[in-house]
Amino acid sequence: MNGPWNQISTLLIGFNTTNFPSLWSITWQMSVALLAFVVIFYNFQGRRLHQYSVFLDLNEWLMWTTIGVFSLLLLFTVFSFDFIFVLPTMIGGAVLYVWIRFIHFPPLIQAYEERLARQRYFQRSKTAHPEATVRAKAAAKPKRRRR
């Protein structure tokens, strides 16, 4: 009988150009391209966002995830690992990206933006009145009589 349980043998063959011709070539090409892109992108974003710690943390998490996942995929393509290692790395990497971007960081970003809004509000309220920026004159001291 043929069924999905017979497809397990696909997971136990080497991930190379002979067994997976279309998937193998795009995997190593995208791995090299994305590894180069993420390092360049992180350097530019690091300079641009150095004042915004939450966004810098998000970029750092994404950078290290990219380096980890695509380095493993590049390693798997070069050394022809079994597909049983490649498939969970691809799926796990995608799940990790989704978790970082859409679950872990949105509450942190929202809290950071609320804190910035509060800071801006209090800065505006302090300088709203012209008298608030003018230093009050010191009260005149009574002159001492000399003897």
N, C-alpha and C. Protein backbone atom coordinates (compact mmCIF):
# COMPACT_ATOMS: atom_id res chain seq x y z
N MET A 1 0.84 -1.20 0.00
CA MET A 1 0.00 0.00 0.00
C MET A 1 0.87 1.24 0.00
N ASN A 2 0.47 2.16 -0.83
CA ASN A 2 1.16 3.44 -0.87
C ASN A 2 0.46 4.41 0.05
N GLY A 3 1.20 5.22 0.72
CA GLY A 3 0.63 6.21 1.63
C GLY A 3 1.71 7.15 2.12
N PRO A 4 1.34 8.07 2.97
CA PRO A 4 2.32 9.05 3.45
C PRO A 4 3.44 8.41 4.26
N TRP A 5 3.20 7.26 4.89
CA TRP A 5 4.24 6.60 5.68
C TRP A 5 5.35 6.07 4.79
N ASN A 6 5.09 5.89 3.51
CA ASN A 6 6.13 5.45 2.59
C ASN A 6 7.03 6.61 2.14
N GLN A 7 6.65 7.83 2.44
CA GLN A 7 7.44 9.00 2.04
C GLN A 7 8.54 9.31 3.05
N ILE A 8 8.62 8.54 4.12
CA ILE A 8 9.66 8.77 5.13
C ILE A 8 11.05 8.54 4.53
N SER A 9 11.13 7.70 3.54
CA SER A 9 12.43 7.46 2.89
C SER A 9 12.97 8.73 2.24
N THR A 10 12.09 9.64 1.86
CA THR A 10 12.53 10.92 1.29
C THR A 10 13.31 11.72 2.32
N LEU A 11 12.94 11.62 3.59
CA LEU A 11 13.63 12.36 4.64
C LEU A 11 15.02 11.80 4.92
N LEU A 12 15.25 10.55 4.55
CA LEU A 12 16.51 9.90 4.90
C LEU A 12 17.52 9.86 3.77
N ILE A 13 17.27 10.62 2.70
CA ILE A 13 18.25 10.70 1.62
C ILE A 13 19.00 12.03 1.72
N GLY A 14 20.18 12.07 1.16
CA GLY A 14 21.03 13.25 1.25
C GLY A 14 20.44 14.45 0.52
N PHE A 15 20.64 15.62 1.10
CA PHE A 15 20.17 16.86 0.49
C PHE A 15 21.27 17.36 -0.44
N ASN A 16 21.17 16.97 -1.72
CA ASN A 16 22.17 17.37 -2.70
C ASN A 16 21.48 17.66 -4.03
N THR A 17 22.28 18.01 -5.01
CA THR A 17 21.74 18.41 -6.31
C THR A 17 21.11 17.26 -7.07
N THR A 18 21.50 16.04 -6.77
CA THR A 18 20.93 14.88 -7.45
C THR A 18 19.53 14.56 -6.94
N ASN A 19 19.36 14.58 -5.62
CA ASN A 19 18.09 14.19 -5.03
C ASN A 19 17.07 15.32 -5.00
N PHE A 20 17.51 16.54 -4.82
CA PHE A 20 16.61 17.71 -4.74
C PHE A 20 17.16 18.82 -5.63
N PRO A 21 17.09 18.68 -6.95
CA PRO A 21 17.78 19.65 -7.84
C PRO A 21 17.25 21.08 -7.73
N SER A 22 15.95 21.28 -7.70
CA SER A 22 15.43 22.65 -7.67
C SER A 22 15.53 23.26 -6.27
N LEU A 23 15.26 22.50 -5.25
CA LEU A 23 15.30 23.00 -3.88
C LEU A 23 16.73 23.23 -3.41
N TRP A 24 17.65 22.38 -3.82
CA TRP A 24 19.04 22.49 -3.38
C TRP A 24 19.69 23.77 -3.87
N SER A 25 19.53 24.07 -5.15
CA SER A 25 20.21 25.25 -5.70
C SER A 25 19.65 26.54 -5.13
N ILE A 26 18.34 26.63 -5.00
CA ILE A 26 17.77 27.86 -4.44
C ILE A 26 18.10 28.01 -2.96
N THR A 27 18.26 26.91 -2.24
CA THR A 27 18.59 26.97 -0.82
C THR A 27 19.98 27.55 -0.60
N TRP A 28 20.98 27.06 -1.32
CA TRP A 28 22.32 27.58 -1.07
C TRP A 28 22.47 29.00 -1.61
N GLN A 29 21.80 29.32 -2.72
CA GLN A 29 21.91 30.69 -3.26
C GLN A 29 21.24 31.70 -2.33
N MET A 30 20.06 31.36 -1.83
CA MET A 30 19.37 32.27 -0.91
C MET A 30 20.11 32.37 0.42
N SER A 31 20.72 31.30 0.86
CA SER A 31 21.48 31.34 2.11
C SER A 31 22.65 32.31 2.02
N VAL A 32 23.41 32.21 0.95
CA VAL A 32 24.55 33.11 0.78
C VAL A 32 24.08 34.56 0.63
N ALA A 33 23.06 34.78 -0.19
CA ALA A 33 22.57 36.14 -0.42
C ALA A 33 22.00 36.76 0.86
N LEU A 34 21.21 36.01 1.60
CA LEU A 34 20.61 36.57 2.82
C LEU A 34 21.63 36.75 3.93
N LEU A 35 22.63 35.91 4.01
CA LEU A 35 23.68 36.13 5.01
C LEU A 35 24.43 37.43 4.73
N ALA A 36 24.76 37.68 3.48
CA ALA A 36 25.44 38.93 3.14
C ALA A 36 24.52 40.13 3.37
N PHE A 37 23.27 40.00 2.96
CA PHE A 37 22.32 41.11 3.09
C PHE A 37 22.08 41.47 4.55
N VAL A 38 21.92 40.48 5.41
CA VAL A 38 21.56 40.77 6.80
C VAL A 38 22.71 41.46 7.53
N VAL A 39 23.95 41.13 7.21
CA VAL A 39 25.08 41.80 7.86
C VAL A 39 25.15 43.26 7.43
N ILE A 40 24.98 43.52 6.14
CA ILE A 40 25.00 44.90 5.64
C ILE A 40 23.82 45.68 6.19
N PHE A 41 22.64 45.09 6.16
CA PHE A 41 21.43 45.75 6.66
C PHE A 41 21.54 46.06 8.15
N TYR A 42 22.08 45.15 8.93
CA TYR A 42 22.22 45.38 10.37
C TYR A 42 23.16 46.54 10.65
N ASN A 43 24.24 46.65 9.88
CA ASN A 43 25.17 47.76 10.09
C ASN A 43 24.52 49.11 9.79
N PHE A 44 23.77 49.19 8.71
CA PHE A 44 23.09 50.45 8.39
C PHE A 44 22.00 50.77 9.41
N GLN A 45 21.21 49.78 9.77
CA GLN A 45 20.15 50.00 10.74
C GLN A 45 20.71 50.31 12.13
N GLY A 46 21.83 49.72 12.47
CA GLY A 46 22.45 49.99 13.76
C GLY A 46 22.85 51.44 13.91
N ARG A 47 23.35 52.02 12.85
CA ARG A 47 23.71 53.45 12.88
C ARG A 47 22.47 54.33 12.91
N ARG A 48 21.45 53.91 12.19
CA ARG A 48 20.25 54.73 12.08
C ARG A 48 19.39 54.66 13.35
N LEU A 49 19.35 53.53 13.99
CA LEU A 49 18.45 53.32 15.13
C LEU A 49 19.18 53.25 16.47
N HIS A 50 20.37 53.82 16.57
CA HIS A 50 21.13 53.67 17.80
C HIS A 50 20.45 54.32 19.01
N GLN A 51 19.52 55.23 18.80
CA GLN A 51 18.82 55.87 19.92
C GLN A 51 17.56 55.11 20.33
N TYR A 52 17.09 54.19 19.51
CA TYR A 52 15.85 53.47 19.78
C TYR A 52 16.18 52.03 20.15
N SER A 53 16.32 51.78 21.43
CA SER A 53 16.85 50.50 21.89
C SER A 53 15.96 49.31 21.51
N VAL A 54 14.65 49.47 21.54
CA VAL A 54 13.77 48.34 21.23
C VAL A 54 13.90 47.92 19.76
N PHE A 55 13.96 48.89 18.87
CA PHE A 55 14.09 48.56 17.45
C PHE A 55 15.48 47.98 17.15
N LEU A 56 16.48 48.45 17.87
CA LEU A 56 17.81 47.89 17.72
C LEU A 56 17.85 46.45 18.21
N ASP A 57 17.15 46.17 19.32
CA ASP A 57 17.06 44.79 19.81
C ASP A 57 16.34 43.89 18.80
N LEU A 58 15.26 44.39 18.21
CA LEU A 58 14.54 43.62 17.21
C LEU A 58 15.45 43.28 16.03
N ASN A 59 16.19 44.26 15.54
CA ASN A 59 17.10 44.00 14.43
C ASN A 59 18.20 43.02 14.81
N GLU A 60 18.66 43.10 16.06
CA GLU A 60 19.70 42.17 16.48
C GLU A 60 19.16 40.74 16.58
N TRP A 61 17.96 40.59 17.11
CA TRP A 61 17.35 39.26 17.17
C TRP A 61 17.18 38.68 15.77
N LEU A 62 16.69 39.51 14.84
CA LEU A 62 16.50 39.03 13.47
C LEU A 62 17.83 38.71 12.80
N MET A 63 18.86 39.50 13.10
CA MET A 63 20.17 39.24 12.51
C MET A 63 20.73 37.90 12.99
N TRP A 64 20.71 37.66 14.29
CA TRP A 64 21.28 36.42 14.81
C TRP A 64 20.45 35.20 14.39
N THR A 65 19.15 35.37 14.27
CA THR A 65 18.32 34.28 13.78
C THR A 65 18.66 33.97 12.33
N THR A 66 18.84 35.00 11.53
CA THR A 66 19.21 34.80 10.13
C THR A 66 20.56 34.13 10.01
N ILE A 67 21.52 34.59 10.79
CA ILE A 67 22.85 33.98 10.73
C ILE A 67 22.79 32.52 11.14
N GLY A 68 22.05 32.22 12.19
CA GLY A 68 21.96 30.83 12.64
C GLY A 68 21.28 29.93 11.64
N VAL A 69 20.10 30.33 11.19
CA VAL A 69 19.30 29.48 10.31
C VAL A 69 19.97 29.31 8.95
N PHE A 70 20.41 30.39 8.34
CA PHE A 70 20.96 30.28 6.99
C PHE A 70 22.39 29.73 6.98
N SER A 71 23.11 29.87 8.07
CA SER A 71 24.42 29.19 8.16
C SER A 71 24.22 27.68 8.22
N LEU A 72 23.22 27.26 9.01
CA LEU A 72 22.93 25.83 9.06
C LEU A 72 22.49 25.30 7.70
N LEU A 73 21.62 26.04 7.03
CA LEU A 73 21.17 25.59 5.72
C LEU A 73 22.32 25.52 4.72
N LEU A 74 23.21 26.48 4.78
CA LEU A 74 24.38 26.45 3.90
C LEU A 74 25.27 25.26 4.23
N LEU A 75 25.44 24.97 5.51
CA LEU A 75 26.20 23.81 5.94
C LEU A 75 25.55 22.52 5.45
N PHE A 76 24.24 22.45 5.55
CA PHE A 76 23.53 21.24 5.09
C PHE A 76 23.67 21.03 3.59
N THR A 77 23.67 22.12 2.82
CA THR A 77 23.80 21.96 1.36
C THR A 77 25.23 21.60 0.97
N VAL A 78 26.21 22.18 1.65
CA VAL A 78 27.59 21.90 1.28
C VAL A 78 27.97 20.46 1.62
N PHE A 79 27.55 19.97 2.78
CA PHE A 79 27.96 18.64 3.24
C PHE A 79 26.91 17.56 2.99
N SER A 80 25.85 17.86 2.26
CA SER A 80 24.84 16.89 1.84
C SER A 80 24.25 16.09 3.01
N PHE A 81 23.77 16.84 4.02
CA PHE A 81 23.10 16.20 5.15
C PHE A 81 21.80 15.57 4.68
N ASP A 82 21.26 14.67 5.48
CA ASP A 82 19.95 14.09 5.16
C ASP A 82 18.88 15.18 5.23
N PHE A 83 17.84 15.00 4.45
CA PHE A 83 16.76 16.00 4.39
C PHE A 83 16.02 16.11 5.72
N ILE A 84 16.15 15.10 6.57
CA ILE A 84 15.48 15.14 7.87
C ILE A 84 16.05 16.25 8.76
N PHE A 85 17.26 16.73 8.48
CA PHE A 85 17.83 17.86 9.20
C PHE A 85 17.46 19.19 8.55
N VAL A 86 17.34 19.18 7.23
CA VAL A 86 17.08 20.41 6.48
C VAL A 86 15.65 20.90 6.69
N LEU A 87 14.68 20.01 6.60
CA LEU A 87 13.27 20.40 6.71
C LEU A 87 12.92 21.03 8.06
N PRO A 88 13.31 20.43 9.20
CA PRO A 88 13.00 21.10 10.47
C PRO A 88 13.72 22.44 10.64
N THR A 89 14.89 22.58 10.05
CA THR A 89 15.60 23.86 10.13
C THR A 89 14.84 24.94 9.37
N MET A 90 14.34 24.59 8.20
CA MET A 90 13.56 25.56 7.42
C MET A 90 12.27 25.94 8.15
N ILE A 91 11.55 24.95 8.62
CA ILE A 91 10.27 25.21 9.30
C ILE A 91 10.51 25.92 10.63
N GLY A 92 11.49 25.45 11.39
CA GLY A 92 11.79 26.07 12.68
C GLY A 92 12.26 27.52 12.52
N GLY A 93 13.06 27.78 11.50
CA GLY A 93 13.51 29.16 11.24
C GLY A 93 12.35 30.07 10.90
N ALA A 94 11.44 29.57 10.08
CA ALA A 94 10.26 30.39 9.71
C ALA A 94 9.39 30.67 10.93
N VAL A 95 9.20 29.66 11.77
CA VAL A 95 8.40 29.84 12.99
C VAL A 95 9.09 30.83 13.93
N LEU A 96 10.40 30.75 14.04
CA LEU A 96 11.14 31.66 14.90
C LEU A 96 11.04 33.11 14.41
N TYR A 97 11.13 33.32 13.10
CA TYR A 97 10.97 34.66 12.54
C TYR A 97 9.58 35.22 12.86
N VAL A 98 8.56 34.41 12.67
CA VAL A 98 7.19 34.86 12.95
C VAL A 98 7.03 35.18 14.43
N TRP A 99 7.58 34.34 15.30
CA TRP A 99 7.48 34.59 16.74
C TRP A 99 8.19 35.88 17.15
N ILE A 100 9.39 36.09 16.62
CA ILE A 100 10.14 37.30 16.97
C ILE A 100 9.40 38.54 16.51
N ARG A 101 8.98 38.55 15.26
CA ARG A 101 8.43 39.77 14.66
C ARG A 101 6.99 40.06 15.09
N PHE A 102 6.17 39.04 15.27
CA PHE A 102 4.75 39.28 15.48
C PHE A 102 4.25 38.92 16.88
N ILE A 103 5.05 38.23 17.70
CA ILE A 103 4.59 37.87 19.03
C ILE A 103 5.46 38.49 20.12
N HIS A 104 6.77 38.32 20.01
CA HIS A 104 7.65 38.77 21.09
C HIS A 104 7.82 40.29 21.14
N PHE A 105 8.08 40.93 20.01
CA PHE A 105 8.44 42.35 20.03
C PHE A 105 7.28 43.34 19.97
N PRO A 106 6.11 43.05 19.41
CA PRO A 106 5.06 44.08 19.40
C PRO A 106 4.67 44.63 20.77
N PRO A 107 4.55 43.83 21.84
CA PRO A 107 4.26 44.47 23.14
C PRO A 107 5.40 45.36 23.63
N LEU A 108 6.62 44.97 23.36
CA LEU A 108 7.76 45.78 23.77
C LEU A 108 7.80 47.10 23.00
N ILE A 109 7.50 47.03 21.71
CA ILE A 109 7.48 48.24 20.89
C ILE A 109 6.35 49.17 21.33
N GLN A 110 5.20 48.60 21.63
CA GLN A 110 4.07 49.42 22.07
C GLN A 110 4.39 50.10 23.40
N ALA A 111 4.97 49.39 24.34
CA ALA A 111 5.34 50.00 25.62
C ALA A 111 6.38 51.09 25.44
N TYR A 112 7.33 50.87 24.53
CA TYR A 112 8.36 51.87 24.25
C TYR A 112 7.75 53.12 23.64
N GLU A 113 6.82 52.95 22.70
CA GLU A 113 6.17 54.11 22.08
C GLU A 113 5.32 54.88 23.08
N GLU A 114 4.65 54.17 23.99
CA GLU A 114 3.87 54.86 25.03
C GLU A 114 4.78 55.65 25.96
N ARG A 115 5.92 55.09 26.29
CA ARG A 115 6.87 55.82 27.15
C ARG A 115 7.38 57.07 26.45
N LEU A 116 7.69 56.96 25.16
CA LEU A 116 8.13 58.14 24.40
C LEU A 116 7.02 59.19 24.33
N ALA A 117 5.78 58.76 24.15
CA ALA A 117 4.66 59.70 24.09
C ALA A 117 4.50 60.42 25.43
N ARG A 118 4.63 59.70 26.54
CA ARG A 118 4.56 60.34 27.86
C ARG A 118 5.67 61.35 28.05
N GLN A 119 6.88 60.99 27.62
CA GLN A 119 7.99 61.93 27.75
C GLN A 119 7.74 63.19 26.94
N ARG A 120 7.25 63.03 25.71
CA ARG A 120 6.95 64.20 24.88
C ARG A 120 5.86 65.05 25.49
N TYR A 121 4.84 64.42 26.07
CA TYR A 121 3.74 65.15 26.69
C TYR A 121 4.24 65.98 27.87
N PHE A 122 5.06 65.37 28.72
CA PHE A 122 5.54 66.10 29.89
C PHE A 122 6.52 67.20 29.50
N GLN A 123 7.28 66.99 28.44
CA GLN A 123 8.16 68.06 27.96
C GLN A 123 7.34 69.23 27.46
N ARG A 124 6.27 68.94 26.73
CA ARG A 124 5.41 69.99 26.20
C ARG A 124 4.70 70.73 27.33
N SER A 125 4.25 70.00 28.34
CA SER A 125 3.50 70.64 29.42
C SER A 125 4.41 71.53 30.26
N LYS A 126 5.68 71.20 30.35
CA LYS A 126 6.60 72.05 31.11
C LYS A 126 6.90 73.34 30.38
N THR A 127 6.97 73.29 29.06
CA THR A 127 7.34 74.48 28.30
C THR A 127 6.13 75.13 27.64
N ALA A 128 4.93 74.80 28.08
CA ALA A 128 3.74 75.35 27.44
C ALA A 128 3.55 76.83 27.76
N HIS A 129 3.94 77.25 28.95
CA HIS A 129 3.76 78.64 29.34
C HIS A 129 5.09 79.37 29.23
N PRO A 130 5.07 80.57 28.65
CA PRO A 130 6.32 81.31 28.50
C PRO A 130 7.00 81.58 29.84
N GLU A 131 6.21 81.74 30.89
CA GLU A 131 6.78 82.02 32.19
C GLU A 131 7.57 80.83 32.73
N ALA A 132 7.26 79.65 32.23
CA ALA A 132 7.94 78.45 32.71
C ALA A 132 9.40 78.43 32.28
N THR A 133 9.72 79.13 31.20
CA THR A 133 11.10 79.12 30.72
C THR A 133 11.91 80.29 31.25
N VAL A 134 11.24 81.26 31.85
CA VAL A 134 11.94 82.43 32.38
C VAL A 134 12.29 82.18 33.84
N ARG A 135 13.53 82.43 34.17
CA ARG A 135 13.97 82.21 35.55
C ARG A 135 13.44 83.34 36.43
N ALA A 136 12.91 82.96 37.55
CA ALA A 136 12.35 83.96 38.46
C ALA A 136 13.50 84.73 39.10
N LYS A 137 13.24 86.03 39.32
CA LYS A 137 14.25 86.86 39.96
C LYS A 137 14.29 86.52 41.44
N ALA A 138 15.48 86.58 41.94
CA ALA A 138 15.64 86.32 43.37
C ALA A 138 15.06 87.50 44.15
N ALA A 139 14.48 87.20 45.26
CA ALA A 139 13.90 88.26 46.09
C ALA A 139 15.03 89.15 46.60
N ALA A 140 14.77 90.44 46.60
CA ALA A 140 15.80 91.40 47.04
C ALA A 140 16.02 91.24 48.53
N LYS A 141 17.28 91.16 48.89
CA LYS A 141 17.61 91.04 50.30
C LYS A 141 17.55 92.43 50.93
N PRO A 142 17.07 92.49 52.13
CA PRO A 142 17.08 93.80 52.78
C PRO A 142 18.53 94.26 53.00
N LYS A 143 18.74 95.52 52.74
CA LYS A 143 20.10 96.05 52.88
C LYS A 143 20.44 96.17 54.35
N ARG A 144 21.62 95.81 54.64
CA ARG A 144 22.11 95.89 56.00
C ARG A 144 22.63 97.29 56.27
N ARG A 145 22.28 97.76 57.37
CA ARG A 145 22.79 99.08 57.73
C ARG A 145 24.18 98.95 58.30
N ARG A 146 25.03 99.80 57.85
CA ARG A 146 26.40 99.79 58.37
C ARG A 146 26.47 100.70 59.58
N ARG A 147 27.26 100.35 60.46
CA ARG A 147 27.42 101.20 61.64
C ARG A 147 28.65 101.98 61.60
